[in-house]
N, C-alpha and C. Protein backbone atom coordinates (compact mmCIF):
# COMPACT_ATOMS: atom_id res chain seq x y z
N MET A 1 23.37 -16.75 -8.21
CA MET A 1 22.20 -15.89 -8.18
C MET A 1 22.56 -14.59 -7.47
N ARG A 2 22.32 -13.46 -8.12
CA ARG A 2 22.66 -12.19 -7.50
C ARG A 2 21.64 -11.81 -6.44
N GLU A 3 22.12 -11.08 -5.47
CA GLU A 3 21.23 -10.63 -4.41
C GLU A 3 20.30 -9.56 -4.95
N GLU A 4 19.02 -9.68 -4.63
CA GLU A 4 18.03 -8.72 -5.10
C GLU A 4 18.15 -7.40 -4.35
N GLU A 5 17.89 -6.31 -5.05
CA GLU A 5 17.87 -5.00 -4.43
C GLU A 5 16.67 -4.91 -3.50
N GLU A 6 16.88 -4.33 -2.33
CA GLU A 6 15.79 -4.16 -1.38
C GLU A 6 14.98 -2.92 -1.69
N VAL A 7 13.69 -3.01 -1.43
CA VAL A 7 12.81 -1.85 -1.47
C VAL A 7 12.26 -1.72 -0.06
N VAL A 8 12.51 -0.59 0.58
CA VAL A 8 12.13 -0.39 1.97
C VAL A 8 11.19 0.80 2.08
N LEU A 9 10.04 0.58 2.68
CA LEU A 9 9.10 1.65 2.98
C LEU A 9 8.90 1.67 4.49
N ARG A 10 8.89 2.84 5.08
CA ARG A 10 8.62 2.97 6.50
C ARG A 10 7.16 3.34 6.66
N LEU A 11 6.47 2.64 7.56
CA LEU A 11 5.04 2.85 7.77
C LEU A 11 4.76 3.20 9.22
N ASP A 12 3.81 4.09 9.43
CA ASP A 12 3.35 4.30 10.79
C ASP A 12 2.44 3.12 11.16
N ARG A 13 2.17 2.94 12.45
CA ARG A 13 1.41 1.78 12.91
C ARG A 13 0.01 1.69 12.29
N PRO A 14 -0.77 2.79 12.23
CA PRO A 14 -2.10 2.67 11.62
C PRO A 14 -2.05 2.26 10.15
N THR A 15 -1.07 2.76 9.42
CA THR A 15 -0.94 2.38 8.01
C THR A 15 -0.55 0.91 7.89
N ALA A 16 0.39 0.46 8.71
CA ALA A 16 0.79 -0.96 8.69
C ALA A 16 -0.39 -1.86 9.01
N ALA A 17 -1.22 -1.46 9.98
CA ALA A 17 -2.40 -2.25 10.34
C ALA A 17 -3.40 -2.28 9.18
N ALA A 18 -3.58 -1.16 8.50
CA ALA A 18 -4.50 -1.12 7.36
C ALA A 18 -4.03 -2.03 6.24
N ILE A 19 -2.72 -2.03 5.97
CA ILE A 19 -2.15 -2.90 4.93
C ILE A 19 -2.30 -4.37 5.34
N ALA A 20 -2.01 -4.70 6.59
CA ALA A 20 -2.14 -6.08 7.07
C ALA A 20 -3.58 -6.56 6.95
N ASP A 21 -4.53 -5.72 7.35
CA ASP A 21 -5.95 -6.10 7.24
C ASP A 21 -6.35 -6.31 5.79
N LEU A 22 -5.91 -5.42 4.92
CA LEU A 22 -6.25 -5.53 3.50
C LEU A 22 -5.67 -6.81 2.90
N LEU A 23 -4.40 -7.10 3.19
CA LEU A 23 -3.79 -8.32 2.66
C LEU A 23 -4.49 -9.58 3.19
N TYR A 24 -4.86 -9.56 4.46
CA TYR A 24 -5.59 -10.70 5.04
C TYR A 24 -6.93 -10.88 4.32
N ASN A 25 -7.66 -9.78 4.15
CA ASN A 25 -8.96 -9.87 3.48
C ASN A 25 -8.84 -10.36 2.05
N ILE A 26 -7.81 -9.92 1.34
CA ILE A 26 -7.60 -10.40 -0.03
C ILE A 26 -7.28 -11.89 -0.02
N GLY A 27 -6.45 -12.32 0.93
CA GLY A 27 -6.13 -13.75 1.04
C GLY A 27 -7.36 -14.59 1.33
N GLU A 28 -8.21 -14.12 2.23
CA GLU A 28 -9.45 -14.86 2.54
C GLU A 28 -10.39 -14.86 1.34
N HIS A 29 -10.41 -13.78 0.60
CA HIS A 29 -11.23 -13.72 -0.61
C HIS A 29 -10.75 -14.76 -1.62
N GLN A 30 -9.42 -14.84 -1.79
CA GLN A 30 -8.86 -15.81 -2.72
C GLN A 30 -9.08 -17.24 -2.25
N ALA A 31 -8.91 -17.48 -0.96
CA ALA A 31 -8.99 -18.83 -0.42
C ALA A 31 -10.43 -19.35 -0.31
N ALA A 32 -11.35 -18.48 0.10
CA ALA A 32 -12.69 -18.98 0.42
C ALA A 32 -13.82 -18.16 -0.20
N GLY A 33 -13.47 -17.20 -1.02
CA GLY A 33 -14.50 -16.40 -1.65
C GLY A 33 -15.17 -15.40 -0.72
N MET A 34 -14.56 -15.14 0.43
CA MET A 34 -15.10 -14.16 1.36
C MET A 34 -15.08 -12.79 0.70
N PRO A 35 -16.15 -11.99 0.88
CA PRO A 35 -16.13 -10.65 0.30
C PRO A 35 -15.01 -9.80 0.90
N ILE A 36 -14.43 -8.94 0.09
CA ILE A 36 -13.39 -8.04 0.59
C ILE A 36 -14.09 -6.86 1.25
N ALA A 37 -13.77 -6.64 2.51
CA ALA A 37 -14.40 -5.56 3.26
C ALA A 37 -14.01 -4.21 2.67
N GLU A 38 -14.96 -3.30 2.65
CA GLU A 38 -14.70 -1.95 2.15
C GLU A 38 -13.79 -1.21 3.14
N LEU A 39 -12.83 -0.48 2.59
CA LEU A 39 -11.92 0.30 3.43
C LEU A 39 -12.60 1.60 3.84
N SER A 40 -12.29 2.06 5.04
CA SER A 40 -12.73 3.38 5.45
C SER A 40 -12.00 4.40 4.57
N THR A 41 -12.50 5.61 4.53
CA THR A 41 -11.85 6.67 3.74
C THR A 41 -10.42 6.88 4.22
N ASP A 42 -10.23 6.90 5.54
CA ASP A 42 -8.90 7.09 6.11
C ASP A 42 -7.95 5.98 5.68
N ASN A 43 -8.38 4.72 5.81
CA ASN A 43 -7.53 3.60 5.43
C ASN A 43 -7.30 3.55 3.92
N SER A 44 -8.30 3.93 3.14
CA SER A 44 -8.13 3.98 1.69
C SER A 44 -7.05 4.98 1.32
N GLU A 45 -7.05 6.14 1.97
CA GLU A 45 -6.01 7.13 1.71
C GLU A 45 -4.64 6.63 2.14
N ARG A 46 -4.59 5.94 3.28
CA ARG A 46 -3.31 5.38 3.76
C ARG A 46 -2.76 4.38 2.76
N VAL A 47 -3.60 3.46 2.31
CA VAL A 47 -3.17 2.44 1.35
C VAL A 47 -2.74 3.10 0.04
N GLY A 48 -3.47 4.12 -0.38
CA GLY A 48 -3.10 4.84 -1.60
C GLY A 48 -1.75 5.50 -1.52
N ARG A 49 -1.43 6.08 -0.35
CA ARG A 49 -0.12 6.71 -0.17
C ARG A 49 0.99 5.65 -0.20
N VAL A 50 0.75 4.50 0.41
CA VAL A 50 1.75 3.44 0.38
C VAL A 50 1.96 2.95 -1.05
N LEU A 51 0.87 2.77 -1.79
CA LEU A 51 0.99 2.32 -3.17
C LEU A 51 1.76 3.34 -4.01
N HIS A 52 1.48 4.60 -3.80
CA HIS A 52 2.22 5.66 -4.49
C HIS A 52 3.71 5.56 -4.19
N ASP A 53 4.05 5.44 -2.90
CA ASP A 53 5.46 5.33 -2.50
C ASP A 53 6.11 4.08 -3.06
N LEU A 54 5.37 2.97 -3.06
CA LEU A 54 5.91 1.71 -3.58
C LEU A 54 6.16 1.81 -5.07
N TRP A 55 5.22 2.34 -5.83
CA TRP A 55 5.45 2.51 -7.27
C TRP A 55 6.66 3.40 -7.53
N ARG A 56 6.76 4.46 -6.76
CA ARG A 56 7.89 5.38 -6.94
C ARG A 56 9.21 4.66 -6.63
N ALA A 57 9.25 3.90 -5.54
CA ALA A 57 10.47 3.17 -5.16
C ALA A 57 10.85 2.13 -6.22
N LEU A 58 9.86 1.56 -6.90
CA LEU A 58 10.10 0.57 -7.93
C LEU A 58 10.40 1.20 -9.30
N GLY A 59 10.22 2.52 -9.40
CA GLY A 59 10.44 3.20 -10.66
C GLY A 59 9.31 3.02 -11.65
N VAL A 60 8.12 2.69 -11.15
CA VAL A 60 6.96 2.48 -12.00
C VAL A 60 6.23 3.82 -12.18
N PRO A 61 5.92 4.19 -13.43
CA PRO A 61 5.19 5.44 -13.63
C PRO A 61 3.84 5.41 -12.92
N LEU A 62 3.46 6.51 -12.34
CA LEU A 62 2.19 6.58 -11.63
C LEU A 62 1.04 6.65 -12.64
N PRO A 63 0.03 5.80 -12.46
CA PRO A 63 -1.05 5.72 -13.44
C PRO A 63 -2.00 6.91 -13.42
N TYR A 64 -1.95 7.72 -12.38
CA TYR A 64 -2.91 8.82 -12.29
C TYR A 64 -2.20 10.16 -12.07
N GLY A 65 -1.07 10.33 -12.70
CA GLY A 65 -0.40 11.62 -12.74
C GLY A 65 0.25 12.09 -11.46
N GLY A 66 0.49 11.23 -10.51
CA GLY A 66 1.20 11.64 -9.31
C GLY A 66 0.36 12.43 -8.33
N VAL A 67 -0.96 12.34 -8.40
CA VAL A 67 -1.81 13.04 -7.45
C VAL A 67 -1.58 12.46 -6.07
N ARG A 68 -1.40 13.35 -5.07
CA ARG A 68 -1.10 12.89 -3.71
C ARG A 68 -2.12 13.45 -2.75
N ALA A 69 -2.33 12.74 -1.69
CA ALA A 69 -3.16 13.24 -0.60
C ALA A 69 -2.38 14.30 0.17
N TYR A 70 -2.96 14.84 1.19
CA TYR A 70 -2.37 15.96 1.91
C TYR A 70 -1.18 15.59 2.78
N GLU A 71 -0.99 14.34 3.14
CA GLU A 71 0.09 13.94 4.05
C GLU A 71 1.45 14.13 3.38
N PRO A 72 2.42 14.66 4.12
CA PRO A 72 3.76 14.83 3.53
C PRO A 72 4.39 13.48 3.23
N ARG A 73 5.33 13.48 2.31
CA ARG A 73 5.99 12.23 1.89
C ARG A 73 6.74 11.60 3.05
N ARG A 74 6.69 10.29 3.09
CA ARG A 74 7.49 9.55 4.05
C ARG A 74 8.83 9.25 3.40
N ARG A 75 9.81 9.02 4.20
CA ARG A 75 11.14 8.69 3.72
C ARG A 75 11.15 7.26 3.21
N ILE A 76 11.73 7.05 2.07
CA ILE A 76 11.82 5.69 1.48
C ILE A 76 13.23 5.19 1.67
């Protein structure tokens, strides 16, 4: 079995916390039907930037034309 290529994204602490909270909420929704909490505008933008970077790192075309928020690109 060949070793898989790594995809590495660097996150600041608030973005990492937003992603962790979102993943936890999705897991609880799947496990127990708990409603998924709405993201704040700030956290929604953070998650969107991470998703953009992740798609780019994976070579997946961006579904909405590469529109970016105001934050400069993070190093991948």
